[in-house]
Amino acid sequence: MLLTGCSSDYQWGWYVVSPFTESGLINLKFLAMGAVYTLGISLLAFSIAMVAGLLIALPGLSSYKPLQYLNRTYVEVFRSIPVLVMILWIYYGLPLVAGIELSAFAAAVIALAICESAFHAEIFRGGVNAIDRGQFEAAEALGLKYLQKMRFVILPQAIRRMIPPLANQFVYMLKMSSLASVVGVQELTRRANELQISEYRAMEIYSVLVVEYLVIVLIFSWLARKLEKPVK
């Protein structure tokens, strides 16, 4: 079976991304700078999602039913919305609905943080629920209030259990940050697209892009495994 548009006679032009040619070195630097935006988006969104996820998880841990429903509604709604759709809605829709205009970078960070916070909330809730009930009873016996109990007794123990899934979520967010390219953020994928338009060397440029993502994700995956060891 023949694949339309494919040819075994394709002439590779690695000069376009070669560190040994002036133009190739410039192109490589251009692509590499996209990693700064990729990491920046991921780290900022992840940090916001951590805080938001904890705040969202607390109502779900309450015995008060309306708070539990509030938690479940938030989690189910924002886990169901694709990240790409959220980015587009915040960047293009928010100015129309609320008159709030955000830069492409800010819109991408907020969209990723909102979607990710729903997953973080479930990780926090699961981590807290995994703590032995005796710890809760001991905290209550000491006369600690709810927030004090969570801050000084429960969360320090639960966080150890949350580290592996949180680390995996960060790796996932690194890959999802590529969706920010649709609104013009100069991250790795966007820069690769722009370079491909000017150089007409899609295979070579996107091959480098694959390697860049592979290296970044493997590094953070390795760090995630390192963080898991004390928890085992």
Protein backbone atom coordinates (compact mmCIF):
# COMPACT_ATOMS: atom_id res chain seq x y z
CA MET A 1 0.00 0.00 0.00
CA LEU A 2 1.43 3.39 -1.01
CA LEU A 3 1.21 6.42 1.26
CA THR A 4 0.36 9.55 -0.70
CA GLY A 5 2.95 12.27 -0.33
CA CYS A 6 5.66 9.97 1.07
CA SER A 7 8.91 9.34 -0.75
CA SER A 8 11.89 7.15 0.03
CA ASP A 9 14.00 9.64 -1.96
CA TYR A 10 13.61 12.41 0.60
CA GLN A 11 16.80 14.45 0.84
CA TRP A 12 17.54 15.27 4.44
CA GLY A 13 18.85 18.78 5.07
CA TRP A 14 20.34 18.64 8.54
CA TYR A 15 22.30 21.80 7.80
CA VAL A 16 19.21 23.73 8.89
CA VAL A 17 19.72 22.58 12.50
CA SER A 18 23.41 21.76 12.45
CA PRO A 19 25.61 23.30 15.17
CA PHE A 20 28.45 23.35 12.61
CA THR A 21 26.86 25.89 10.28
CA GLU A 22 26.15 29.52 11.13
CA SER A 23 22.48 29.38 10.15
CA GLY A 24 22.00 26.00 11.83
CA LEU A 25 23.48 27.26 15.09
CA ILE A 26 21.20 30.30 15.01
CA ASN A 27 18.20 28.04 14.43
CA LEU A 28 19.19 25.75 17.28
CA LYS A 29 19.51 28.69 19.65
CA PHE A 30 16.12 29.95 18.51
CA LEU A 31 14.56 26.57 19.27
CA ALA A 32 16.39 26.18 22.57
CA MET A 33 15.08 29.52 23.86
CA GLY A 34 11.59 28.09 23.54
CA ALA A 35 12.45 25.77 26.42
CA VAL A 36 12.57 28.82 28.70
CA TYR A 37 8.92 29.56 27.92
CA THR A 38 7.95 25.89 28.16
CA LEU A 39 9.50 25.55 31.62
CA GLY A 40 8.19 28.95 32.70
CA ILE A 41 4.61 28.12 31.76
CA SER A 42 4.83 24.69 33.37
CA LEU A 43 6.37 25.86 36.65
CA LEU A 44 4.03 28.83 37.08
CA ALA A 45 0.90 26.87 36.21
CA PHE A 46 1.94 23.97 38.43
CA SER A 47 2.58 26.28 41.41
CA ILE A 48 -0.81 27.97 41.03
CA ALA A 49 -2.51 24.59 40.58
CA MET A 50 -0.88 23.33 43.79
CA VAL A 51 -2.34 26.16 45.87
CA ALA A 52 -5.72 26.06 44.13
CA GLY A 53 -5.87 22.28 44.35
CA LEU A 54 -5.32 22.34 48.10
CA LEU A 55 -8.03 24.95 48.59
CA ILE A 56 -10.43 22.97 46.40
CA ALA A 57 -9.63 19.71 48.19
CA LEU A 58 -10.48 21.06 51.67
CA PRO A 59 -14.26 21.30 51.05
CA GLY A 60 -14.17 17.74 49.74
CA LEU A 61 -12.69 16.58 53.04
CA SER A 62 -15.42 18.26 55.04
CA SER A 63 -18.33 16.30 56.50
CA TYR A 64 -20.67 19.10 55.37
CA LYS A 65 -22.50 17.84 52.27
CA PRO A 66 -22.89 21.17 50.41
CA LEU A 67 -19.11 21.68 50.59
CA GLN A 68 -18.55 18.17 49.28
CA TYR A 69 -20.90 18.88 46.36
CA LEU A 70 -19.01 22.10 45.64
CA ASN A 71 -15.76 20.18 45.52
CA ARG A 72 -17.15 17.45 43.27
CA THR A 73 -18.72 19.96 40.89
CA TYR A 74 -15.46 21.88 40.42
CA VAL A 75 -13.40 18.72 39.95
CA GLU A 76 -15.78 17.08 37.48
CA VAL A 77 -16.29 20.25 35.43
CA PHE A 78 -12.64 21.19 34.99
CA ARG A 79 -11.39 17.64 34.56
CA SER A 80 -13.82 17.32 31.65
CA ILE A 81 -12.73 20.43 29.73
CA PRO A 82 -9.80 19.88 27.32
CA VAL A 83 -6.79 22.09 28.06
CA LEU A 84 -6.75 23.41 24.50
CA VAL A 85 -10.38 24.54 24.74
CA MET A 86 -9.68 26.26 28.07
CA ILE A 87 -6.70 28.14 26.63
CA LEU A 88 -8.73 29.34 23.67
CA TRP A 89 -11.70 30.36 25.83
CA ILE A 90 -9.62 32.35 28.30
CA TYR A 91 -7.58 34.07 25.59
CA TYR A 92 -10.41 34.86 23.16
CA GLY A 93 -13.56 34.55 25.26
CA LEU A 94 -12.63 36.27 28.51
CA PRO A 95 -12.20 39.72 26.88
CA LEU A 96 -15.69 39.43 25.37
CA VAL A 97 -17.43 38.10 28.48
CA ALA A 98 -15.65 40.02 31.25
CA GLY A 99 -13.65 42.68 29.41
CA ILE A 100 -10.42 41.17 30.75
CA GLU A 101 -7.61 40.95 28.22
CA LEU A 102 -4.66 38.73 29.06
CA SER A 103 -1.39 38.16 27.29
CA ALA A 104 -1.01 34.82 25.53
CA PHE A 105 1.47 33.71 28.19
CA ALA A 106 -0.84 34.62 31.09
CA ALA A 107 -3.85 33.00 29.40
CA ALA A 108 -1.92 29.76 28.89
CA VAL A 109 -0.69 29.71 32.50
CA ILE A 110 -4.15 30.34 33.93
CA ALA A 111 -5.83 27.78 31.66
CA LEU A 112 -3.29 25.09 32.52
CA ALA A 113 -3.51 25.93 36.23
CA ILE A 114 -7.33 25.73 36.27
CA CYS A 115 -7.45 22.38 34.50
CA GLU A 116 -4.58 20.98 36.53
CA SER A 117 -6.00 22.19 39.86
CA ALA A 118 -8.88 19.72 39.50
CA PHE A 119 -6.42 16.83 39.31
CA HIS A 120 -4.34 18.24 42.17
CA ALA A 121 -7.47 18.50 44.31
CA GLU A 122 -8.09 14.78 43.84
CA ILE A 123 -4.47 13.98 44.66
CA PHE A 124 -4.68 16.04 47.86
CA ARG A 125 -8.01 14.51 48.81
CA GLY A 126 -6.76 10.99 48.19
CA GLY A 127 -3.55 11.65 50.12
CA VAL A 128 -5.41 12.96 53.15
CA ASN A 129 -7.96 10.13 53.09
CA ALA A 130 -5.09 7.62 53.07
CA ILE A 131 -3.90 8.82 56.49
CA ASP A 132 -4.87 6.52 59.35
CA ARG A 133 -7.97 7.71 61.20
CA GLY A 134 -6.05 7.46 64.45
CA GLN A 135 -4.04 10.52 63.41
CA PHE A 136 -7.24 12.54 63.10
CA GLU A 137 -8.44 11.34 66.48
CA ALA A 138 -5.11 12.15 68.10
CA ALA A 139 -5.20 15.68 66.67
CA GLU A 140 -8.74 16.17 67.96
CA ALA A 141 -7.70 14.88 71.38
CA LEU A 142 -5.06 17.61 71.48
CA GLY A 143 -7.81 20.18 70.97
CA LEU A 144 -6.58 21.31 67.55
CA LYS A 145 -9.02 23.12 65.29
CA TYR A 146 -9.66 21.90 61.76
CA LEU A 147 -7.07 24.09 60.01
CA GLN A 148 -4.50 23.45 62.74
CA LYS A 149 -5.12 19.71 62.49
CA MET A 150 -4.61 19.78 58.74
CA ARG A 151 -1.55 22.04 58.87
CA PHE A 152 0.41 20.46 61.70
CA VAL A 153 -0.65 16.79 61.71
CA ILE A 154 -2.37 15.54 58.56
CA LEU A 155 -0.82 17.40 55.62
CA PRO A 156 2.84 16.81 56.60
CA GLN A 157 2.15 13.08 56.50
CA ALA A 158 -0.09 13.19 53.44
CA ILE A 159 2.37 15.18 51.34
CA ARG A 160 4.82 12.27 51.41
CA ARG A 161 2.18 10.13 49.75
CA MET A 162 1.32 12.85 47.23
CA ILE A 163 4.84 13.43 45.90
CA PRO A 164 4.84 10.65 43.25
CA PRO A 165 1.48 11.56 41.63
CA LEU A 166 2.25 15.29 41.82
CA ALA A 167 5.62 14.71 40.15
CA ASN A 168 3.92 12.72 37.40
CA GLN A 169 1.38 15.51 36.93
CA PHE A 170 4.19 18.00 36.41
CA VAL A 171 5.66 15.82 33.65
CA TYR A 172 2.18 15.69 32.10
CA MET A 173 1.91 19.49 32.32
CA LEU A 174 5.26 19.89 30.56
CA LYS A 175 3.80 18.11 27.55
CA MET A 176 0.48 19.96 27.73
CA SER A 177 2.33 23.30 27.68
CA SER A 178 2.85 22.74 23.94
CA LEU A 179 -0.81 23.68 23.48
CA ALA A 180 0.09 27.27 24.38
CA SER A 181 1.48 27.55 20.86
CA VAL A 182 -2.05 28.02 19.48
CA VAL A 183 -2.30 31.51 21.01
CA GLY A 184 1.22 32.53 20.02
CA VAL A 185 3.30 31.79 23.12
CA GLN A 186 6.91 31.41 22.00
CA GLU A 187 7.46 28.01 23.58
CA LEU A 188 9.13 25.03 21.93
CA THR A 189 6.35 23.99 19.59
CA ARG A 190 5.54 27.52 18.44
CA ARG A 191 9.17 28.25 17.63
CA ALA A 192 9.48 25.00 15.72
CA ASN A 193 6.38 25.89 13.68
CA GLU A 194 7.74 29.37 12.88
CA LEU A 195 11.12 27.96 11.89
CA GLN A 196 9.52 25.35 9.68
CA ILE A 197 7.56 28.06 7.85
CA SER A 198 10.74 30.00 7.08
CA GLU A 199 13.06 27.06 6.34
CA TYR A 200 10.66 24.51 4.77
CA ARG A 201 12.42 21.65 6.57
CA ALA A 202 9.66 20.09 8.64
CA MET A 203 11.25 16.66 9.24
CA GLU A 204 14.56 18.03 10.47
CA ILE A 205 13.04 20.75 12.65
CA TYR A 206 10.35 18.57 14.20
CA SER A 207 12.90 15.83 14.81
CA VAL A 208 14.89 18.28 16.91
CA LEU A 209 11.66 19.28 18.66
CA VAL A 210 11.01 15.63 19.55
CA VAL A 211 14.50 15.33 21.01
CA GLU A 212 14.07 18.54 23.02
CA TYR A 213 10.84 17.35 24.60
CA LEU A 214 12.30 13.90 25.16
CA VAL A 215 15.32 15.29 27.01
CA ILE A 216 13.25 17.66 29.18
CA VAL A 217 10.63 15.03 30.06
CA LEU A 218 13.24 12.35 30.78
CA ILE A 219 15.10 14.69 33.14
CA PHE A 220 11.97 15.50 35.13
CA SER A 221 10.83 11.86 35.03
CA TRP A 222 14.16 10.89 36.54
CA LEU A 223 13.73 13.53 39.25
CA ALA A 224 10.21 12.23 39.90
CA ARG A 225 11.56 8.72 40.46
CA LYS A 226 14.15 10.13 42.84
CA LEU A 227 11.39 11.78 44.85
CA GLU A 228 9.45 8.53 45.01
CA LYS A 229 12.20 6.56 46.72
CA PRO A 230 11.79 7.99 50.24
CA VAL A 231 8.05 7.36 50.03
CA LYS A 232 8.36 3.63 49.33
